[in-house]
N, C-alpha and C. Protein backbone atom coordinates (compact mmCIF):
# COMPACT_ATOMS: atom_id res chain seq x y z
N MET A 1 84.27 88.25 105.16
CA MET A 1 85.49 88.99 105.41
C MET A 1 85.18 90.49 105.28
N ASN A 2 85.62 91.28 106.26
CA ASN A 2 85.36 92.71 106.18
C ASN A 2 86.38 93.39 105.27
N LYS A 3 86.15 94.66 104.98
CA LYS A 3 87.01 95.38 104.03
C LYS A 3 88.46 95.47 104.49
N SER A 4 88.65 95.70 105.78
CA SER A 4 90.01 95.80 106.31
C SER A 4 90.78 94.49 106.09
N GLN A 5 90.13 93.36 106.35
CA GLN A 5 90.76 92.07 106.14
C GLN A 5 91.02 91.81 104.66
N ALA A 6 90.09 92.20 103.81
CA ALA A 6 90.26 92.04 102.37
C ALA A 6 91.45 92.86 101.88
N ILE A 7 91.59 94.07 102.42
CA ILE A 7 92.71 94.93 102.04
C ILE A 7 94.03 94.31 102.51
N LEU A 8 94.05 93.80 103.74
CA LEU A 8 95.27 93.15 104.25
C LEU A 8 95.66 91.95 103.40
N GLN A 9 94.68 91.14 103.06
CA GLN A 9 94.95 89.96 102.23
C GLN A 9 95.47 90.39 100.85
N ALA A 10 94.84 91.38 100.25
CA ALA A 10 95.28 91.86 98.94
C ALA A 10 96.68 92.47 99.03
N ALA A 11 96.93 93.21 100.10
CA ALA A 11 98.26 93.81 100.27
C ALA A 11 99.33 92.73 100.43
N SER A 12 99.02 91.70 101.19
CA SER A 12 99.97 90.60 101.37
C SER A 12 100.29 89.96 100.02
N GLN A 13 99.27 89.73 99.22
CA GLN A 13 99.48 89.15 97.89
C GLN A 13 100.33 90.08 97.01
N THR A 14 100.01 91.35 97.05
CA THR A 14 100.71 92.32 96.20
C THR A 14 102.16 92.49 96.65
N PHE A 15 102.40 92.63 97.96
CA PHE A 15 103.77 92.73 98.46
C PHE A 15 104.55 91.46 98.15
N SER A 16 103.89 90.30 98.19
CA SER A 16 104.54 89.03 97.89
C SER A 16 104.98 88.95 96.43
N LEU A 17 104.17 89.52 95.56
CA LEU A 17 104.50 89.49 94.13
C LEU A 17 105.55 90.53 93.74
N PHE A 18 105.38 91.76 94.22
CA PHE A 18 106.20 92.86 93.74
C PHE A 18 107.24 93.37 94.74
N GLY A 19 107.12 92.97 96.00
CA GLY A 19 107.98 93.52 97.03
C GLY A 19 107.40 94.82 97.55
N TYR A 20 108.01 95.35 98.59
CA TYR A 20 107.50 96.58 99.19
C TYR A 20 107.68 97.77 98.26
N LYS A 21 108.89 97.93 97.76
CA LYS A 21 109.22 99.13 96.99
C LYS A 21 108.37 99.26 95.72
N ALA A 22 108.14 98.16 95.03
CA ALA A 22 107.42 98.21 93.75
C ALA A 22 105.90 98.16 93.90
N THR A 23 105.40 97.89 95.07
CA THR A 23 103.95 97.83 95.28
C THR A 23 103.38 99.23 95.41
N THR A 24 102.26 99.44 94.75
CA THR A 24 101.57 100.73 94.86
C THR A 24 100.20 100.50 95.52
N MET A 25 99.68 101.56 96.05
CA MET A 25 98.34 101.48 96.65
C MET A 25 97.29 101.18 95.57
N ASP A 26 97.53 101.64 94.34
CA ASP A 26 96.62 101.32 93.23
C ASP A 26 96.56 99.82 93.00
N GLN A 27 97.72 99.16 93.04
CA GLN A 27 97.75 97.70 92.85
C GLN A 27 96.99 96.99 93.96
N VAL A 28 97.20 97.44 95.17
CA VAL A 28 96.50 96.83 96.31
C VAL A 28 95.00 97.03 96.15
N ALA A 29 94.57 98.23 95.76
CA ALA A 29 93.15 98.52 95.58
C ALA A 29 92.54 97.62 94.51
N ARG A 30 93.25 97.46 93.40
CA ARG A 30 92.74 96.58 92.33
C ARG A 30 92.63 95.13 92.83
N THR A 31 93.64 94.68 93.53
CA THR A 31 93.64 93.30 94.04
C THR A 31 92.51 93.10 95.06
N ALA A 32 92.28 94.12 95.89
CA ALA A 32 91.23 94.03 96.92
C ALA A 32 89.84 94.33 96.37
N ASN A 33 89.79 94.82 95.14
CA ASN A 33 88.52 95.19 94.52
C ASN A 33 87.83 96.31 95.27
N VAL A 34 88.62 97.30 95.71
CA VAL A 34 88.09 98.48 96.39
C VAL A 34 88.74 99.72 95.77
N GLY A 35 88.19 100.86 96.07
CA GLY A 35 88.79 102.10 95.63
C GLY A 35 90.02 102.43 96.48
N LYS A 36 90.95 103.16 95.90
CA LYS A 36 92.16 103.51 96.64
C LYS A 36 91.82 104.31 97.90
N GLY A 37 90.81 105.15 97.82
CA GLY A 37 90.39 105.94 98.98
C GLY A 37 89.93 105.06 100.14
N THR A 38 89.35 103.91 99.82
CA THR A 38 88.91 102.98 100.86
C THR A 38 90.11 102.48 101.66
N ILE A 39 91.20 102.21 100.97
CA ILE A 39 92.41 101.75 101.66
C ILE A 39 92.87 102.82 102.64
N TYR A 40 92.87 104.07 102.19
CA TYR A 40 93.34 105.17 103.05
C TYR A 40 92.42 105.40 104.25
N ASN A 41 91.17 104.95 104.16
CA ASN A 41 90.28 105.03 105.33
C ASN A 41 90.78 104.12 106.45
N PHE A 42 91.43 103.03 106.08
CA PHE A 42 91.92 102.06 107.07
C PHE A 42 93.42 102.22 107.36
N TYR A 43 94.19 102.57 106.34
CA TYR A 43 95.65 102.64 106.45
C TYR A 43 96.13 103.93 105.78
N ALA A 44 96.65 104.84 106.58
CA ALA A 44 96.98 106.18 106.10
C ALA A 44 98.11 106.20 105.08
N THR A 45 99.02 105.23 105.16
CA THR A 45 100.16 105.21 104.24
C THR A 45 100.46 103.77 103.84
N LYS A 46 101.25 103.63 102.79
CA LYS A 46 101.70 102.30 102.36
C LYS A 46 102.52 101.65 103.47
N GLU A 47 103.32 102.43 104.17
CA GLU A 47 104.15 101.87 105.24
C GLU A 47 103.29 101.32 106.38
N ILE A 48 102.23 102.03 106.74
CA ILE A 48 101.34 101.54 107.81
C ILE A 48 100.63 100.26 107.36
N LEU A 49 100.21 100.22 106.11
CA LEU A 49 99.60 99.00 105.55
C LEU A 49 100.61 97.85 105.58
N PHE A 50 101.84 98.14 105.19
CA PHE A 50 102.91 97.13 105.19
C PHE A 50 103.15 96.61 106.60
N GLN A 51 103.17 97.50 107.58
CA GLN A 51 103.36 97.09 108.96
C GLN A 51 102.23 96.15 109.41
N ALA A 52 101.01 96.46 109.03
CA ALA A 52 99.88 95.61 109.40
C ALA A 52 100.00 94.22 108.76
N VAL A 53 100.45 94.19 107.52
CA VAL A 53 100.65 92.91 106.83
C VAL A 53 101.74 92.10 107.54
N VAL A 54 102.82 92.76 107.91
CA VAL A 54 103.91 92.06 108.59
C VAL A 54 103.47 91.56 109.97
N MET A 55 102.64 92.33 110.66
CA MET A 55 102.14 91.87 111.96
C MET A 55 101.28 90.61 111.79
N GLU A 56 100.54 90.52 110.69
CA GLU A 56 99.78 89.30 110.38
C GLU A 56 100.75 88.14 110.12
N LEU A 57 101.84 88.41 109.43
CA LEU A 57 102.86 87.39 109.17
C LEU A 57 103.46 86.89 110.48
N ILE A 58 103.79 87.81 111.37
CA ILE A 58 104.35 87.44 112.67
C ILE A 58 103.35 86.59 113.45
N SER A 59 102.10 86.97 113.43
CA SER A 59 101.06 86.21 114.11
C SER A 59 100.97 84.79 113.55
N SER A 60 101.06 84.67 112.25
CA SER A 60 101.02 83.36 111.61
C SER A 60 102.22 82.51 112.01
N MET A 61 103.40 83.14 112.08
CA MET A 61 104.60 82.41 112.50
C MET A 61 104.46 81.95 113.95
N ARG A 62 103.93 82.82 114.80
CA ARG A 62 103.74 82.47 116.21
C ARG A 62 102.80 81.27 116.34
N LYS A 63 101.69 81.30 115.59
CA LYS A 63 100.74 80.18 115.62
C LYS A 63 101.41 78.89 115.14
N THR A 64 102.26 79.01 114.15
CA THR A 64 103.00 77.85 113.64
C THR A 64 103.84 77.23 114.74
N VAL A 65 104.58 78.07 115.46
CA VAL A 65 105.44 77.59 116.55
C VAL A 65 104.60 77.02 117.69
N GLU A 66 103.57 77.75 118.09
CA GLU A 66 102.72 77.32 119.21
C GLU A 66 102.07 75.97 118.93
N LYS A 67 101.67 75.75 117.69
CA LYS A 67 101.03 74.49 117.33
C LYS A 67 101.98 73.30 117.52
N GLU A 68 103.27 73.54 117.34
CA GLU A 68 104.26 72.47 117.45
C GLU A 68 104.72 72.21 118.88
N MET A 69 104.54 73.15 119.77
CA MET A 69 105.03 73.01 121.14
C MET A 69 104.02 72.24 121.99
N LYS A 70 104.42 71.06 122.42
CA LYS A 70 103.57 70.19 123.22
C LYS A 70 104.19 70.04 124.61
N PRO A 71 103.44 70.34 125.68
CA PRO A 71 104.01 70.30 127.03
C PRO A 71 104.49 68.91 127.46
N GLN A 72 103.94 67.87 126.86
CA GLN A 72 104.30 66.53 127.30
C GLN A 72 105.59 65.99 126.67
N ILE A 73 106.17 66.71 125.71
CA ILE A 73 107.42 66.23 125.13
C ILE A 73 108.57 67.19 125.47
N SER A 74 109.78 66.72 125.27
CA SER A 74 110.97 67.46 125.70
C SER A 74 111.16 68.75 124.92
N PHE A 75 111.93 69.66 125.52
CA PHE A 75 112.27 70.92 124.86
C PHE A 75 112.97 70.64 123.54
N GLU A 76 113.92 69.71 123.54
CA GLU A 76 114.69 69.41 122.33
C GLU A 76 113.76 68.96 121.20
N LYS A 77 112.85 68.05 121.49
CA LYS A 77 111.91 67.56 120.48
C LYS A 77 110.98 68.69 120.02
N ASN A 78 110.48 69.47 120.98
CA ASN A 78 109.63 70.61 120.63
C ASN A 78 110.38 71.59 119.73
N ALA A 79 111.61 71.90 120.11
CA ALA A 79 112.40 72.87 119.35
C ALA A 79 112.67 72.36 117.94
N LEU A 80 112.99 71.08 117.81
CA LEU A 80 113.23 70.51 116.47
C LEU A 80 111.95 70.50 115.64
N ASN A 81 110.82 70.17 116.26
CA ASN A 81 109.54 70.22 115.54
C ASN A 81 109.23 71.64 115.07
N ALA A 82 109.41 72.60 115.97
CA ALA A 82 109.15 74.00 115.62
C ALA A 82 110.10 74.46 114.52
N LEU A 83 111.37 74.08 114.62
CA LEU A 83 112.35 74.44 113.60
C LEU A 83 111.94 73.89 112.24
N ASN A 84 111.54 72.62 112.21
CA ASN A 84 111.11 72.02 110.94
C ASN A 84 109.89 72.73 110.37
N ARG A 85 108.94 73.09 111.24
CA ARG A 85 107.75 73.82 110.76
C ARG A 85 108.13 75.20 110.24
N LEU A 86 109.06 75.87 110.93
CA LEU A 86 109.49 77.18 110.46
C LEU A 86 110.23 77.06 109.13
N LEU A 87 110.98 75.98 108.95
CA LEU A 87 111.64 75.75 107.66
C LEU A 87 110.59 75.64 106.55
N GLN A 88 109.53 74.89 106.83
CA GLN A 88 108.46 74.75 105.86
C GLN A 88 107.73 76.07 105.66
N PHE A 89 107.53 76.81 106.75
CA PHE A 89 106.85 78.11 106.69
C PHE A 89 107.61 79.05 105.75
N ARG A 90 108.93 79.11 105.92
CA ARG A 90 109.73 80.00 105.11
C ARG A 90 109.67 79.63 103.63
N GLU A 91 109.66 78.35 103.36
CA GLU A 91 109.62 77.89 101.97
C GLU A 91 108.28 78.20 101.32
N THR A 92 107.21 78.19 102.09
CA THR A 92 105.88 78.33 101.50
C THR A 92 105.29 79.73 101.66
N HIS A 93 105.84 80.55 102.52
CA HIS A 93 105.27 81.88 102.73
C HIS A 93 105.94 82.88 101.81
N ALA A 94 105.26 83.20 100.72
CA ALA A 94 105.83 84.03 99.66
C ALA A 94 106.24 85.42 100.14
N LEU A 95 105.48 86.00 101.05
CA LEU A 95 105.79 87.36 101.51
C LEU A 95 107.14 87.39 102.21
N TYR A 96 107.37 86.47 103.11
CA TYR A 96 108.64 86.45 103.85
C TYR A 96 109.81 86.25 102.89
N VAL A 97 109.65 85.33 101.95
CA VAL A 97 110.70 85.06 100.96
C VAL A 97 110.99 86.34 100.16
N LYS A 98 109.95 87.02 99.73
CA LYS A 98 110.11 88.25 98.93
C LYS A 98 110.79 89.35 99.76
N LEU A 99 110.43 89.46 101.03
CA LEU A 99 111.04 90.49 101.88
C LEU A 99 112.53 90.24 102.07
N VAL A 100 112.89 88.99 102.31
CA VAL A 100 114.31 88.66 102.48
C VAL A 100 115.07 88.99 101.20
N ALA A 101 114.51 88.64 100.06
CA ALA A 101 115.16 88.91 98.77
C ALA A 101 115.28 90.42 98.53
N GLU A 102 114.21 91.17 98.81
CA GLU A 102 114.25 92.62 98.59
C GLU A 102 115.27 93.29 99.51
N GLU A 103 115.33 92.84 100.73
CA GLU A 103 116.30 93.42 101.67
C GLU A 103 117.72 93.19 101.17
N LYS A 104 117.99 92.01 100.67
CA LYS A 104 119.34 91.70 100.17
C LYS A 104 119.67 92.52 98.93
N GLU A 105 118.71 92.65 98.02
CA GLU A 105 118.96 93.32 96.74
C GLU A 105 118.91 94.84 96.83
N LEU A 106 117.89 95.36 97.52
CA LEU A 106 117.64 96.81 97.47
C LEU A 106 117.90 97.55 98.77
N ARG A 107 118.00 96.82 99.86
CA ARG A 107 118.22 97.43 101.18
C ARG A 107 117.16 98.49 101.49
N THR A 108 115.92 98.20 101.16
CA THR A 108 114.82 99.12 101.40
C THR A 108 114.65 99.32 102.91
N PRO A 109 114.74 100.55 103.41
CA PRO A 109 114.65 100.79 104.86
C PRO A 109 113.38 100.23 105.50
N ALA A 110 112.22 100.38 104.86
CA ALA A 110 110.98 99.87 105.45
C ALA A 110 111.02 98.34 105.57
N VAL A 111 111.62 97.69 104.60
CA VAL A 111 111.75 96.23 104.64
C VAL A 111 112.74 95.82 105.71
N GLN A 112 113.85 96.52 105.79
CA GLN A 112 114.83 96.22 106.85
C GLN A 112 114.19 96.35 108.22
N SER A 113 113.41 97.39 108.41
CA SER A 113 112.74 97.62 109.69
C SER A 113 111.77 96.48 110.01
N MET A 114 110.99 96.06 109.03
CA MET A 114 110.02 94.99 109.27
C MET A 114 110.71 93.65 109.49
N LEU A 115 111.79 93.38 108.77
CA LEU A 115 112.52 92.13 109.01
C LEU A 115 113.12 92.12 110.41
N THR A 116 113.55 93.28 110.88
CA THR A 116 114.06 93.39 112.25
C THR A 116 112.94 93.08 113.24
N LYS A 117 111.73 93.61 112.98
CA LYS A 117 110.57 93.32 113.85
C LYS A 117 110.27 91.83 113.87
N ILE A 118 110.32 91.19 112.71
CA ILE A 118 110.06 89.76 112.63
C ILE A 118 111.10 89.01 113.46
N GLU A 119 112.37 89.38 113.29
CA GLU A 119 113.45 88.75 114.06
C GLU A 119 113.24 88.93 115.55
N GLN A 120 112.89 90.14 115.97
CA GLN A 120 112.68 90.42 117.39
C GLN A 120 111.54 89.58 117.95
N GLU A 121 110.48 89.44 117.19
CA GLU A 121 109.33 88.66 117.66
C GLU A 121 109.69 87.19 117.75
N ILE A 122 110.37 86.67 116.74
CA ILE A 122 110.77 85.26 116.78
C ILE A 122 111.71 85.03 117.96
N THR A 123 112.66 85.93 118.17
CA THR A 123 113.59 85.81 119.28
C THR A 123 112.85 85.83 120.61
N ARG A 124 111.85 86.69 120.73
CA ARG A 124 111.06 86.77 121.96
C ARG A 124 110.29 85.47 122.21
N ILE A 125 109.69 84.92 121.17
CA ILE A 125 108.95 83.66 121.29
C ILE A 125 109.89 82.55 121.73
N LEU A 126 111.04 82.46 121.07
CA LEU A 126 112.01 81.42 121.42
C LEU A 126 112.52 81.59 122.85
N ALA A 127 112.78 82.83 123.24
CA ALA A 127 113.27 83.09 124.60
C ALA A 127 112.24 82.64 125.64
N GLU A 128 110.95 82.85 125.37
CA GLU A 128 109.89 82.39 126.27
C GLU A 128 109.95 80.87 126.43
N LYS A 129 110.12 80.17 125.32
CA LYS A 129 110.16 78.71 125.34
C LYS A 129 111.42 78.21 126.05
N ILE A 130 112.52 78.90 125.85
CA ILE A 130 113.78 78.53 126.51
C ILE A 130 113.65 78.73 128.01
N GLN A 131 113.03 79.83 128.42
CA GLN A 131 112.83 80.09 129.85
C GLN A 131 111.96 79.00 130.49
N LEU A 132 110.90 78.60 129.81
CA LEU A 132 110.04 77.53 130.32
C LEU A 132 110.83 76.22 130.46
N ALA A 133 111.67 75.91 129.49
CA ALA A 133 112.48 74.70 129.54
C ALA A 133 113.50 74.76 130.68
N MET A 134 114.06 75.93 130.94
CA MET A 134 114.98 76.09 132.07
C MET A 134 114.23 75.89 133.38
N ASN A 135 113.04 76.46 133.49
CA ASN A 135 112.24 76.33 134.70
C ASN A 135 111.91 74.87 135.00
N LYS A 136 111.74 74.06 133.95
CA LYS A 136 111.44 72.64 134.12
C LYS A 136 112.70 71.80 134.32
N GLY A 137 113.88 72.42 134.18
CA GLY A 137 115.13 71.69 134.33
C GLY A 137 115.50 70.86 133.11
N GLU A 138 114.86 71.14 131.97
CA GLU A 138 115.14 70.39 130.74
C GLU A 138 116.43 70.82 130.07
N ILE A 139 116.80 72.07 130.28
CA ILE A 139 118.04 72.59 129.70
C ILE A 139 118.82 73.33 130.79
N ILE A 140 120.09 73.57 130.51
CA ILE A 140 120.95 74.25 131.47
C ILE A 140 120.53 75.72 131.61
N GLN A 141 120.95 76.34 132.69
CA GLN A 141 120.69 77.76 132.88
C GLN A 141 121.50 78.54 131.84
N CYS A 142 120.85 79.47 131.20
CA CYS A 142 121.50 80.27 130.16
C CYS A 142 120.75 81.58 130.02
N ASP A 143 121.24 82.43 129.16
CA ASP A 143 120.55 83.68 128.86
C ASP A 143 119.58 83.39 127.71
N PRO A 144 118.27 83.31 127.98
CA PRO A 144 117.31 82.94 126.94
C PRO A 144 117.36 83.84 125.71
N GLU A 145 117.60 85.13 125.92
CA GLU A 145 117.64 86.05 124.78
C GLU A 145 118.83 85.75 123.88
N LEU A 146 119.99 85.50 124.48
CA LEU A 146 121.18 85.19 123.68
C LEU A 146 121.04 83.86 122.95
N VAL A 147 120.52 82.86 123.64
CA VAL A 147 120.38 81.54 123.02
C VAL A 147 119.33 81.60 121.90
N SER A 148 118.25 82.31 122.12
CA SER A 148 117.23 82.42 121.06
C SER A 148 117.79 83.16 119.85
N TYR A 149 118.62 84.16 120.08
CA TYR A 149 119.26 84.88 118.97
C TYR A 149 120.21 83.95 118.22
N LEU A 150 120.97 83.14 118.95
CA LEU A 150 121.87 82.17 118.34
C LEU A 150 121.09 81.17 117.49
N LEU A 151 119.99 80.67 118.03
CA LEU A 151 119.16 79.72 117.28
C LEU A 151 118.62 80.36 115.99
N LEU A 152 118.09 81.57 116.11
CA LEU A 152 117.52 82.23 114.94
C LEU A 152 118.58 82.50 113.88
N LYS A 153 119.70 83.07 114.29
CA LYS A 153 120.73 83.41 113.31
C LYS A 153 121.34 82.16 112.67
N SER A 154 121.47 81.09 113.46
CA SER A 154 121.97 79.84 112.91
C SER A 154 120.97 79.28 111.90
N TYR A 155 119.71 79.36 112.24
CA TYR A 155 118.65 78.91 111.36
C TYR A 155 118.68 79.69 110.04
N ILE A 156 118.77 81.01 110.13
CA ILE A 156 118.82 81.84 108.92
C ILE A 156 120.07 81.52 108.10
N ALA A 157 121.19 81.31 108.77
CA ALA A 157 122.42 80.98 108.06
C ALA A 157 122.27 79.68 107.26
N MET A 158 121.58 78.72 107.84
CA MET A 158 121.44 77.42 107.17
C MET A 158 120.45 77.46 106.01
N ILE A 159 119.39 78.26 106.13
CA ILE A 159 118.38 78.26 105.07
C ILE A 159 118.56 79.35 104.02
N VAL A 160 119.25 80.42 104.39
CA VAL A 160 119.41 81.53 103.45
C VAL A 160 120.86 81.68 103.01
N ASP A 161 121.73 81.92 103.96
CA ASP A 161 123.12 82.23 103.63
C ASP A 161 123.85 81.06 102.97
N TRP A 162 123.57 79.85 103.40
CA TRP A 162 124.22 78.67 102.83
C TRP A 162 124.01 78.64 101.32
N GLN A 163 122.79 78.88 100.88
CA GLN A 163 122.46 78.84 99.46
C GLN A 163 123.18 79.91 98.65
N ASP A 164 123.55 81.00 99.30
CA ASP A 164 124.26 82.07 98.60
C ASP A 164 125.69 81.68 98.23
N THR A 165 126.26 80.76 98.99
CA THR A 165 127.66 80.41 98.78
C THR A 165 127.89 78.96 98.36
N HIS A 166 126.83 78.18 98.27
CA HIS A 166 126.93 76.78 97.90
C HIS A 166 125.92 76.45 96.81
N LEU A 167 126.20 75.44 96.06
CA LEU A 167 125.33 75.08 94.95
C LEU A 167 124.05 74.39 95.39
N ASN A 168 124.10 73.73 96.53
CA ASN A 168 122.93 72.97 96.96
C ASN A 168 122.24 73.60 98.17
N LYS A 169 120.97 73.32 98.25
CA LYS A 169 120.15 73.75 99.39
C LYS A 169 120.23 72.63 100.42
N LEU A 170 120.34 72.98 101.69
CA LEU A 170 120.40 71.98 102.75
C LEU A 170 119.01 71.39 103.00
N ALA A 171 118.96 70.08 103.15
CA ALA A 171 117.70 69.40 103.44
C ALA A 171 117.30 69.66 104.89
N GLU A 172 116.00 69.60 105.15
CA GLU A 172 115.48 69.81 106.51
C GLU A 172 116.13 68.85 107.49
N ASP A 173 116.25 67.59 107.11
CA ASP A 173 116.86 66.59 108.00
C ASP A 173 118.30 66.95 108.35
N THR A 174 119.03 67.44 107.38
CA THR A 174 120.42 67.82 107.61
C THR A 174 120.51 68.96 108.62
N ILE A 175 119.66 69.95 108.44
CA ILE A 175 119.64 71.10 109.36
C ILE A 175 119.21 70.65 110.76
N SER A 176 118.18 69.83 110.84
CA SER A 176 117.72 69.33 112.14
C SER A 176 118.81 68.55 112.85
N GLN A 177 119.47 67.67 112.13
CA GLN A 177 120.55 66.87 112.74
C GLN A 177 121.70 67.75 113.20
N LEU A 178 122.02 68.77 112.42
CA LEU A 178 123.09 69.69 112.80
C LEU A 178 122.74 70.41 114.10
N PHE A 179 121.52 70.93 114.19
CA PHE A 179 121.09 71.61 115.41
C PHE A 179 121.07 70.65 116.60
N GLN A 180 120.59 69.44 116.36
CA GLN A 180 120.49 68.45 117.44
C GLN A 180 121.88 68.08 117.97
N SER A 181 122.84 67.91 117.08
CA SER A 181 124.17 67.46 117.50
C SER A 181 125.07 68.59 118.01
N THR A 182 124.66 69.82 117.82
CA THR A 182 125.51 70.93 118.26
C THR A 182 124.80 71.79 119.31
N ILE A 183 123.93 72.67 118.88
CA ILE A 183 123.31 73.64 119.77
C ILE A 183 122.47 72.98 120.86
N PHE A 184 121.55 72.09 120.45
CA PHE A 184 120.69 71.46 121.46
C PHE A 184 121.46 70.56 122.40
N LYS A 185 122.45 69.87 121.89
CA LYS A 185 123.27 69.02 122.73
C LYS A 185 123.98 69.86 123.81
N GLY A 186 124.42 71.06 123.43
CA GLY A 186 125.06 71.95 124.38
C GLY A 186 124.13 72.52 125.45
N LEU A 187 122.83 72.50 125.18
CA LEU A 187 121.85 73.01 126.14
C LEU A 187 121.37 71.96 127.13
N MET A 188 121.63 70.70 126.83
CA MET A 188 121.16 69.63 127.71
C MET A 188 121.97 69.55 128.99
N PRO A 189 121.30 69.27 130.13
CA PRO A 189 122.02 69.19 131.40
C PRO A 189 122.93 67.96 131.47
């Protein structure tokens, strides 16, 4: 692993533990086992380093979705598989969980900006898949960008917002069945 990758990995760990606002370049340097000046050779500011870490997160999310999308199965099945994997991704990816929590608690502008980037990328990926499904005649004609936004926001509402107002966390199966019986059913020809 080269120094840049080691710094990114250390930064991801540090941001996951402390959040964006509380993370310092000194902490990242200690975690990466490099001098602070070495970090600045690759990343001029904490915000630029944070952006690079988030871009790695987005890439990981994209790979997660791509791995689940199989051309030989239906859009609905692919979408449900990808949704379930993203549910697992969110539960296990400490950085994303920490960013969502920090944004809710502190409204840190850099975190808000990066969460918006993550949302935009996920929406773009979903819109691509929706367009492919429309081209194959698997789903009705619709605005892929609007439908992907609806899917993402509904997904976030079920995994994040629900827990804020209810005592229990929704099970993956419950969320999948809800999406299948409502949103996906409405997209079928």
